[in-house]
N, C-alpha and C. Protein backbone atom coordinates (compact mmCIF):
# COMPACT_ATOMS: atom_id res chain seq x y z
N UNK A 1 -11.77 0.52 -8.66
CA UNK A 1 -12.61 0.23 -9.80
C UNK A 1 -13.44 -1.01 -9.48
N UNK A 2 -14.62 -1.06 -10.01
CA UNK A 2 -15.50 -2.18 -9.68
C UNK A 2 -14.94 -3.54 -10.13
N UNK A 3 -14.14 -3.55 -11.19
CA UNK A 3 -13.58 -4.82 -11.67
C UNK A 3 -12.44 -5.32 -10.80
N UNK A 4 -11.94 -4.46 -9.90
CA UNK A 4 -10.81 -4.77 -9.04
C UNK A 4 -9.61 -5.25 -9.86
N UNK A 5 -9.38 -4.59 -10.96
CA UNK A 5 -8.23 -4.91 -11.79
C UNK A 5 -7.67 -3.63 -12.39
N UNK A 6 -6.51 -3.76 -12.97
CA UNK A 6 -5.85 -2.63 -13.60
C UNK A 6 -6.68 -2.16 -14.80
N UNK A 7 -6.76 -0.86 -14.97
CA UNK A 7 -7.47 -0.29 -16.11
C UNK A 7 -6.62 0.83 -16.68
N UNK A 8 -6.64 0.98 -17.98
CA UNK A 8 -5.84 2.04 -18.58
C UNK A 8 -6.66 2.79 -19.62
N UNK A 9 -6.22 3.99 -19.90
CA UNK A 9 -6.85 4.85 -20.90
C UNK A 9 -5.76 5.23 -21.89
N UNK A 10 -6.04 5.01 -23.15
CA UNK A 10 -5.04 5.29 -24.19
C UNK A 10 -5.37 6.60 -24.91
N UNK A 11 -4.38 7.47 -24.94
CA UNK A 11 -4.46 8.70 -25.72
C UNK A 11 -3.59 8.48 -26.95
N UNK A 12 -4.22 7.98 -28.00
CA UNK A 12 -3.45 7.67 -29.20
C UNK A 12 -3.54 8.81 -30.20
N UNK A 13 -2.51 8.94 -30.98
CA UNK A 13 -2.47 10.00 -31.98
C UNK A 13 -3.67 9.87 -32.91
N UNK A 14 -4.37 10.97 -33.08
CA UNK A 14 -5.54 10.99 -33.95
C UNK A 14 -6.80 10.46 -33.28
N UNK A 15 -6.70 10.02 -32.02
CA UNK A 15 -7.84 9.46 -31.32
C UNK A 15 -8.74 10.54 -30.74
N UNK A 16 -9.83 10.11 -30.17
CA UNK A 16 -10.80 11.01 -29.55
C UNK A 16 -10.35 11.29 -28.11
N UNK A 17 -9.43 12.22 -27.96
CA UNK A 17 -8.85 12.52 -26.65
C UNK A 17 -9.89 13.05 -25.66
N UNK A 18 -10.85 13.78 -26.15
CA UNK A 18 -11.86 14.32 -25.26
C UNK A 18 -12.67 13.20 -24.62
N UNK A 19 -13.05 12.22 -25.41
CA UNK A 19 -13.83 11.09 -24.88
C UNK A 19 -13.01 10.29 -23.88
N UNK A 20 -11.75 10.05 -24.20
CA UNK A 20 -10.88 9.30 -23.29
C UNK A 20 -10.69 10.07 -21.99
N UNK A 21 -10.43 11.37 -22.09
CA UNK A 21 -10.23 12.20 -20.90
C UNK A 21 -11.50 12.24 -20.05
N UNK A 22 -12.66 12.33 -20.69
CA UNK A 22 -13.92 12.32 -19.94
C UNK A 22 -14.11 11.00 -19.21
N UNK A 23 -13.75 9.90 -19.85
CA UNK A 23 -13.87 8.59 -19.21
C UNK A 23 -12.93 8.49 -18.02
N UNK A 24 -11.71 8.96 -18.17
CA UNK A 24 -10.74 8.95 -17.09
C UNK A 24 -11.22 9.81 -15.92
N UNK A 25 -11.65 11.02 -16.22
CA UNK A 25 -12.13 11.93 -15.18
C UNK A 25 -13.35 11.35 -14.47
N UNK A 26 -14.21 10.71 -15.21
CA UNK A 26 -15.40 10.08 -14.63
C UNK A 26 -15.01 8.97 -13.66
N UNK A 27 -14.03 8.16 -14.04
CA UNK A 27 -13.59 7.07 -13.16
C UNK A 27 -12.98 7.63 -11.88
N UNK A 28 -12.20 8.68 -11.99
CA UNK A 28 -11.60 9.30 -10.80
C UNK A 28 -12.70 9.85 -9.91
N UNK A 29 -13.67 10.52 -10.50
CA UNK A 29 -14.77 11.10 -9.72
C UNK A 29 -15.61 10.00 -9.06
N UNK A 30 -15.95 8.96 -9.83
CA UNK A 30 -16.87 7.94 -9.33
C UNK A 30 -16.23 6.96 -8.34
N UNK A 31 -14.95 6.64 -8.57
CA UNK A 31 -14.30 5.61 -7.76
C UNK A 31 -13.14 6.14 -6.92
N UNK A 32 -12.36 7.03 -7.48
CA UNK A 32 -11.20 7.55 -6.77
C UNK A 32 -11.54 8.47 -5.62
N UNK A 33 -12.41 9.43 -5.87
CA UNK A 33 -12.75 10.39 -4.82
C UNK A 33 -13.39 9.74 -3.60
N UNK A 34 -14.35 8.83 -3.75
CA UNK A 34 -14.91 8.18 -2.55
C UNK A 34 -13.87 7.35 -1.79
N UNK A 35 -12.98 6.70 -2.52
CA UNK A 35 -11.92 5.91 -1.89
C UNK A 35 -11.02 6.82 -1.06
N UNK A 36 -10.59 7.92 -1.67
CA UNK A 36 -9.73 8.87 -0.99
C UNK A 36 -10.45 9.47 0.22
N UNK A 37 -11.70 9.83 0.06
CA UNK A 37 -12.45 10.42 1.16
C UNK A 37 -12.57 9.45 2.34
N UNK A 38 -12.75 8.18 2.05
CA UNK A 38 -12.85 7.18 3.11
C UNK A 38 -11.54 7.03 3.86
N UNK A 39 -10.45 6.86 3.11
CA UNK A 39 -9.17 6.54 3.74
C UNK A 39 -8.33 7.76 4.08
N UNK A 40 -8.84 8.95 3.87
CA UNK A 40 -8.17 10.16 4.33
C UNK A 40 -8.29 10.28 5.84
N UNK A 41 -9.25 9.59 6.41
CA UNK A 41 -9.42 9.55 7.86
C UNK A 41 -8.41 8.56 8.43
N UNK A 42 -7.50 9.05 9.30
CA UNK A 42 -6.42 8.21 9.81
C UNK A 42 -6.93 6.97 10.52
N UNK A 43 -7.94 7.10 11.37
CA UNK A 43 -8.45 5.94 12.11
C UNK A 43 -8.96 4.86 11.16
N UNK A 44 -9.69 5.27 10.14
CA UNK A 44 -10.21 4.32 9.16
C UNK A 44 -9.07 3.65 8.42
N UNK A 45 -8.12 4.46 7.95
CA UNK A 45 -6.97 3.90 7.22
C UNK A 45 -6.17 2.96 8.11
N UNK A 46 -5.85 3.39 9.33
CA UNK A 46 -4.97 2.58 10.17
C UNK A 46 -5.62 1.26 10.60
N UNK A 47 -6.94 1.22 10.65
CA UNK A 47 -7.62 -0.06 10.90
C UNK A 47 -7.62 -0.94 9.65
N UNK A 48 -7.86 -0.34 8.49
CA UNK A 48 -7.98 -1.11 7.25
C UNK A 48 -6.65 -1.63 6.73
N UNK A 49 -5.57 -0.92 7.00
CA UNK A 49 -4.28 -1.27 6.41
C UNK A 49 -3.81 -2.66 6.82
N UNK A 50 -4.27 -3.15 7.94
CA UNK A 50 -3.91 -4.49 8.39
C UNK A 50 -4.75 -5.60 7.79
N UNK A 51 -5.84 -5.25 7.14
CA UNK A 51 -6.72 -6.26 6.56
C UNK A 51 -6.09 -6.91 5.34
N UNK A 52 -6.23 -8.22 5.24
CA UNK A 52 -5.77 -8.94 4.06
C UNK A 52 -6.49 -8.37 2.83
N UNK A 53 -5.73 -8.14 1.78
CA UNK A 53 -6.31 -7.65 0.54
C UNK A 53 -6.34 -6.14 0.40
N UNK A 54 -6.16 -5.41 1.49
CA UNK A 54 -6.16 -3.95 1.39
C UNK A 54 -4.91 -3.49 0.65
N UNK A 55 -3.79 -4.07 0.99
CA UNK A 55 -2.52 -3.81 0.31
C UNK A 55 -1.94 -5.14 -0.15
N UNK A 56 -1.02 -5.08 -1.09
CA UNK A 56 -0.28 -6.28 -1.44
C UNK A 56 0.61 -6.61 -0.24
N UNK A 57 0.88 -7.88 -0.04
CA UNK A 57 1.62 -8.31 1.15
C UNK A 57 2.97 -7.61 1.29
N UNK A 58 3.69 -7.42 0.18
CA UNK A 58 5.00 -6.78 0.30
C UNK A 58 4.86 -5.31 0.71
N UNK A 59 3.75 -4.68 0.39
CA UNK A 59 3.51 -3.30 0.84
C UNK A 59 3.09 -3.30 2.30
N UNK A 60 2.23 -4.22 2.63
CA UNK A 60 1.67 -4.32 3.98
C UNK A 60 2.77 -4.52 5.01
N UNK A 61 3.77 -5.34 4.69
CA UNK A 61 4.83 -5.66 5.64
C UNK A 61 5.71 -4.45 5.95
N UNK A 62 5.69 -3.45 5.09
CA UNK A 62 6.45 -2.23 5.36
C UNK A 62 5.56 -1.12 5.93
N UNK A 63 4.36 -1.02 5.47
CA UNK A 63 3.48 0.07 5.90
C UNK A 63 2.89 -0.20 7.28
N UNK A 64 2.47 -1.41 7.54
CA UNK A 64 1.82 -1.72 8.81
C UNK A 64 2.71 -1.43 10.02
N UNK A 65 4.00 -1.78 10.01
CA UNK A 65 4.81 -1.43 11.19
C UNK A 65 4.87 0.08 11.44
N UNK A 66 4.93 0.86 10.39
CA UNK A 66 4.98 2.32 10.54
C UNK A 66 3.66 2.83 11.10
N UNK A 67 2.56 2.28 10.62
CA UNK A 67 1.24 2.67 11.13
C UNK A 67 1.16 2.36 12.62
N UNK A 68 1.64 1.19 13.02
CA UNK A 68 1.63 0.85 14.44
C UNK A 68 2.44 1.85 15.25
N UNK A 69 3.61 2.22 14.75
CA UNK A 69 4.46 3.19 15.47
C UNK A 69 3.74 4.53 15.59
N UNK A 70 3.16 5.01 14.50
CA UNK A 70 2.43 6.28 14.54
C UNK A 70 1.30 6.21 15.55
N UNK A 71 0.67 5.05 15.66
CA UNK A 71 -0.44 4.89 16.61
C UNK A 71 0.04 4.61 18.03
N UNK A 72 1.36 4.64 18.23
CA UNK A 72 1.91 4.49 19.57
C UNK A 72 2.12 3.06 20.03
N UNK A 73 2.08 2.10 19.11
CA UNK A 73 2.25 0.69 19.48
C UNK A 73 3.52 0.14 18.83
N UNK A 74 4.66 0.54 19.37
CA UNK A 74 5.95 0.12 18.83
C UNK A 74 6.10 -1.39 18.84
N UNK A 75 5.62 -2.04 19.89
CA UNK A 75 5.75 -3.50 19.97
C UNK A 75 5.01 -4.20 18.83
N UNK A 76 3.84 -3.72 18.48
CA UNK A 76 3.11 -4.32 17.35
C UNK A 76 3.90 -4.13 16.06
N UNK A 77 4.50 -2.97 15.89
CA UNK A 77 5.34 -2.72 14.72
C UNK A 77 6.52 -3.68 14.67
N UNK A 78 7.16 -3.85 15.80
CA UNK A 78 8.29 -4.79 15.87
C UNK A 78 7.85 -6.22 15.54
N UNK A 79 6.69 -6.61 16.04
CA UNK A 79 6.20 -7.97 15.76
C UNK A 79 5.98 -8.19 14.27
N UNK A 80 5.44 -7.21 13.59
CA UNK A 80 5.23 -7.34 12.14
C UNK A 80 6.57 -7.51 11.44
N UNK A 81 7.54 -6.68 11.80
CA UNK A 81 8.86 -6.75 11.17
C UNK A 81 9.50 -8.11 11.43
N UNK A 82 9.48 -8.55 12.68
CA UNK A 82 10.10 -9.84 13.01
C UNK A 82 9.40 -11.01 12.31
N UNK A 83 8.09 -10.95 12.24
CA UNK A 83 7.33 -11.99 11.55
C UNK A 83 7.70 -12.06 10.07
N UNK A 84 7.82 -10.91 9.45
CA UNK A 84 8.17 -10.91 8.02
C UNK A 84 9.61 -11.39 7.84
N UNK A 85 10.50 -11.02 8.72
CA UNK A 85 11.88 -11.50 8.63
C UNK A 85 11.94 -13.02 8.76
N UNK A 86 11.14 -13.57 9.65
CA UNK A 86 11.08 -15.04 9.78
C UNK A 86 10.54 -15.68 8.51
N UNK A 87 9.52 -15.04 7.92
CA UNK A 87 8.92 -15.59 6.71
C UNK A 87 9.90 -15.63 5.55
N UNK A 88 10.76 -14.64 5.45
CA UNK A 88 11.69 -14.55 4.31
C UNK A 88 13.07 -15.11 4.63
N UNK A 89 13.24 -15.65 5.83
CA UNK A 89 14.54 -16.22 6.21
C UNK A 89 14.98 -17.23 5.15
N UNK A 90 16.21 -17.12 4.76
CA UNK A 90 16.74 -18.07 3.78
C UNK A 90 16.49 -17.66 2.35
N UNK A 91 15.70 -16.63 2.14
CA UNK A 91 15.43 -16.18 0.77
C UNK A 91 16.43 -15.09 0.40
N UNK A 92 16.91 -15.17 -0.82
CA UNK A 92 17.86 -14.17 -1.30
C UNK A 92 17.30 -13.32 -2.43
N UNK A 93 15.99 -13.40 -2.64
CA UNK A 93 15.42 -12.63 -3.75
C UNK A 93 15.45 -11.14 -3.46
N UNK A 94 15.11 -10.36 -4.45
CA UNK A 94 15.17 -8.91 -4.35
C UNK A 94 14.27 -8.40 -3.23
N UNK A 95 13.08 -8.95 -3.11
CA UNK A 95 12.18 -8.50 -2.05
C UNK A 95 12.81 -8.77 -0.68
N UNK A 96 13.33 -9.96 -0.47
CA UNK A 96 13.92 -10.30 0.83
C UNK A 96 15.08 -9.36 1.16
N UNK A 97 15.92 -9.08 0.20
CA UNK A 97 17.02 -8.15 0.42
C UNK A 97 16.50 -6.77 0.78
N UNK A 98 15.49 -6.32 0.05
CA UNK A 98 14.89 -5.01 0.31
C UNK A 98 14.26 -4.97 1.70
N UNK A 99 13.56 -6.04 2.07
CA UNK A 99 12.90 -6.04 3.37
C UNK A 99 13.91 -6.06 4.50
N UNK A 100 14.99 -6.80 4.33
CA UNK A 100 16.02 -6.80 5.37
C UNK A 100 16.60 -5.39 5.56
N UNK A 101 16.77 -4.69 4.47
CA UNK A 101 17.25 -3.30 4.55
C UNK A 101 16.23 -2.44 5.30
N UNK A 102 14.95 -2.60 4.97
CA UNK A 102 13.90 -1.88 5.67
C UNK A 102 13.93 -2.21 7.17
N UNK A 103 14.04 -3.49 7.49
CA UNK A 103 14.04 -3.92 8.89
C UNK A 103 15.22 -3.32 9.64
N UNK A 104 16.39 -3.27 9.00
CA UNK A 104 17.56 -2.66 9.64
C UNK A 104 17.29 -1.19 9.94
N UNK A 105 16.71 -0.49 8.99
CA UNK A 105 16.41 0.94 9.19
C UNK A 105 15.33 1.13 10.26
N UNK A 106 14.34 0.25 10.26
CA UNK A 106 13.28 0.30 11.28
C UNK A 106 13.89 0.12 12.66
N UNK A 107 14.75 -0.86 12.80
CA UNK A 107 15.39 -1.13 14.10
C UNK A 107 16.29 0.03 14.52
N UNK A 108 17.03 0.60 13.57
CA UNK A 108 17.88 1.76 13.89
C UNK A 108 17.04 2.92 14.42
N UNK A 109 15.91 3.15 13.77
CA UNK A 109 15.06 4.27 14.14
C UNK A 109 14.25 4.03 15.42
N UNK A 110 13.74 2.82 15.56
CA UNK A 110 12.80 2.55 16.65
C UNK A 110 13.29 1.54 17.68
N UNK A 111 14.51 1.08 17.51
CA UNK A 111 15.08 0.17 18.50
C UNK A 111 14.70 -1.27 18.39
């Protein structure tokens, strides 16, 4: 979306559902379809996924290593995982626990 923020459409009882649905469909057509068409290309997606701002950092730290592995660069995937583990060292929050679990599974699968 051009505002780069969350947007919602409300279908309230007694409301003008047709107008709301048309607005939603228009947004998908105008903004969603071009986005999907661009990033449906693996090379484009795999280059962009590493860019700051493309994904939230907690998503990027899990997706980027897998993208590297798919692209045949296991070492780059390992570096991302190790870097994130260093960043969260000493943290016991839910994200850190989740990432450690991801890292364990990544290591089990890819060594």
